[in-house]
Amino acid sequence: AQASAAAASMCGAPAPKAQVPWFWSFQGDLKLQIAGLSAGHDATVVRGDADGERFSVLYYRDGALLAADCVNSPADYMVVRKALGQGLSIPPGVAADVSVPLKRALPAPGAPRTPAAV
């Protein structure tokens, strides 16, 4: 994303659309994936089994999704990254219910949207 922004700037073109910050890293047997920025959060939801090293921490401010840190939970990571990229949120109460996959928490196309924090 930085290369695209630099190229656009050098060519006098409009800056590309801002993207959701993301990161991933392998740490031994752990795959860490991060989507969004958690700074300024006022609440968290932990999904999964931290002791079993397969979990996600979702960060919220005023009830709106800001970010997620996912350890060996690629499905949660992809859903959060998609939601943030589309300006959507996943309600904390829904995210806390581990019996429901996060992808089911996203609004169906054409349904009213719950905006994410800006």
Protein backbone atom coordinates (compact mmCIF):
# COMPACT_ATOMS: atom_id res chain seq x y z
CA ALA A 1 0.00 0.00 0.00
CA GLN A 2 2.88 2.36 0.75
CA ALA A 3 4.39 1.82 -2.71
CA SER A 4 1.05 2.63 -4.38
CA ALA A 5 0.67 5.79 -2.33
CA ALA A 6 4.23 6.90 -3.15
CA ALA A 7 3.76 6.23 -6.88
CA ALA A 8 0.47 8.14 -6.94
CA SER A 9 2.10 11.06 -5.15
CA MET A 10 5.04 11.17 -7.57
CA CYS A 11 2.70 11.06 -10.57
CA GLY A 12 0.33 13.68 -9.19
CA ALA A 13 -2.51 11.14 -9.12
CA PRO A 14 -5.06 10.90 -6.34
CA ALA A 15 -3.96 8.83 -3.36
CA PRO A 16 -5.33 5.29 -3.35
CA LYS A 17 -8.17 4.45 -1.00
CA ALA A 18 -6.95 3.87 2.55
CA GLN A 19 -6.67 0.19 3.42
CA VAL A 20 -7.16 -1.63 6.69
CA PRO A 21 -3.80 -1.98 8.45
CA TRP A 22 -2.85 -5.62 8.75
CA PHE A 23 0.06 -7.78 9.86
CA TRP A 24 0.93 -11.44 10.18
CA SER A 25 3.83 -13.41 11.58
CA PHE A 26 4.73 -16.97 12.44
CA GLN A 27 6.02 -17.31 15.98
CA GLY A 28 7.00 -20.97 16.33
CA ASP A 29 3.74 -22.93 16.12
CA LEU A 30 1.67 -19.77 16.37
CA LYS A 31 0.32 -17.78 13.45
CA LEU A 32 -0.38 -14.23 14.58
CA GLN A 33 -2.62 -12.13 12.34
CA ILE A 34 -3.69 -8.58 13.13
CA ALA A 35 -6.30 -6.47 11.34
CA GLY A 36 -6.99 -2.85 12.23
CA LEU A 37 -5.53 -0.72 15.00
CA SER A 38 -6.51 -1.33 18.60
CA ALA A 39 -5.29 2.00 20.02
CA GLY A 40 -8.04 3.76 21.94
CA HIS A 41 -10.15 0.68 22.56
CA ASP A 42 -12.41 0.62 25.59
CA ALA A 43 -13.57 -3.01 25.44
CA THR A 44 -12.39 -6.41 24.24
CA VAL A 45 -13.99 -9.72 23.37
CA VAL A 46 -11.95 -12.92 23.52
CA ARG A 47 -13.12 -15.75 21.23
CA GLY A 48 -11.73 -19.25 21.35
CA ASP A 49 -9.29 -21.04 23.60
CA ALA A 50 -6.25 -19.05 24.73
CA ASP A 51 -4.84 -22.06 26.59
CA GLY A 52 -5.21 -24.13 23.41
CA GLU A 53 -3.44 -21.37 21.43
CA ARG A 54 -6.37 -20.81 19.06
CA PHE A 55 -8.16 -17.57 19.85
CA SER A 56 -8.94 -14.02 18.79
CA VAL A 57 -9.15 -10.77 20.71
CA LEU A 58 -11.50 -8.23 19.16
CA TYR A 59 -11.11 -4.59 20.18
CA TYR A 60 -13.98 -2.10 20.40
CA ARG A 61 -14.50 1.60 21.07
CA ASP A 62 -18.03 2.73 21.93
CA GLY A 63 -19.32 -0.63 20.68
CA ALA A 64 -17.72 -0.33 17.24
CA LEU A 65 -15.11 -2.81 16.03
CA LEU A 66 -11.58 -1.38 15.76
CA ALA A 67 -9.27 -4.36 15.33
CA ALA A 68 -8.51 -8.00 16.07
CA ASP A 69 -5.45 -9.96 17.13
CA CYS A 70 -5.90 -13.56 15.97
CA VAL A 71 -3.72 -16.50 17.01
CA ASN A 72 -4.20 -19.59 14.86
CA SER A 73 -7.67 -18.25 13.94
CA PRO A 74 -7.45 -17.31 10.26
CA ALA A 75 -11.23 -17.37 9.72
CA ASP A 76 -11.78 -14.72 12.42
CA TYR A 77 -8.95 -12.64 10.96
CA MET A 78 -10.40 -12.70 7.44
CA VAL A 79 -13.88 -11.73 8.65
CA VAL A 80 -12.60 -8.84 10.76
CA ARG A 81 -10.39 -7.57 7.94
CA LYS A 82 -13.33 -7.74 5.52
CA ALA A 83 -15.67 -6.01 7.97
CA LEU A 84 -13.23 -3.19 8.65
CA GLY A 85 -12.50 -2.80 4.93
CA GLN A 86 -16.22 -2.36 4.25
CA GLY A 87 -16.74 -0.01 7.17
CA LEU A 88 -18.78 -2.59 9.10
CA SER A 89 -18.77 -3.69 12.71
CA ILE A 90 -19.55 -6.95 14.49
CA PRO A 91 -21.53 -6.32 17.67
CA PRO A 92 -19.56 -7.36 20.78
CA GLY A 93 -22.37 -9.60 22.04
CA VAL A 94 -22.42 -11.50 18.75
CA ALA A 95 -18.62 -11.78 18.67
CA ALA A 96 -18.64 -13.20 22.20
CA ASP A 97 -20.81 -16.15 21.14
CA VAL A 98 -18.19 -18.65 19.96
CA SER A 99 -20.90 -21.03 18.78
CA VAL A 100 -21.58 -18.58 15.91
CA PRO A 101 -18.89 -18.18 13.24
CA LEU A 102 -17.97 -14.51 12.80
CA LYS A 103 -18.79 -14.62 9.10
CA ARG A 104 -22.45 -15.10 10.04
CA ALA A 105 -22.27 -11.85 12.02
CA LEU A 106 -21.68 -9.76 8.90
CA PRO A 107 -24.81 -8.18 7.46
CA ALA A 108 -26.24 -9.81 4.34
CA PRO A 109 -25.92 -7.76 1.15
CA GLY A 110 -28.59 -5.06 1.16
CA ALA A 111 -29.21 -5.36 4.92
CA PRO A 112 -28.82 -2.33 7.20
CA ARG A 113 -25.19 -1.85 8.21
CA THR A 114 -23.69 -1.25 11.62
CA PRO A 115 -20.82 1.16 10.92
CA ALA A 116 -17.35 0.57 12.29
CA ALA A 117 -15.45 3.25 14.20
CA VAL A 118 -13.46 5.68 12.10
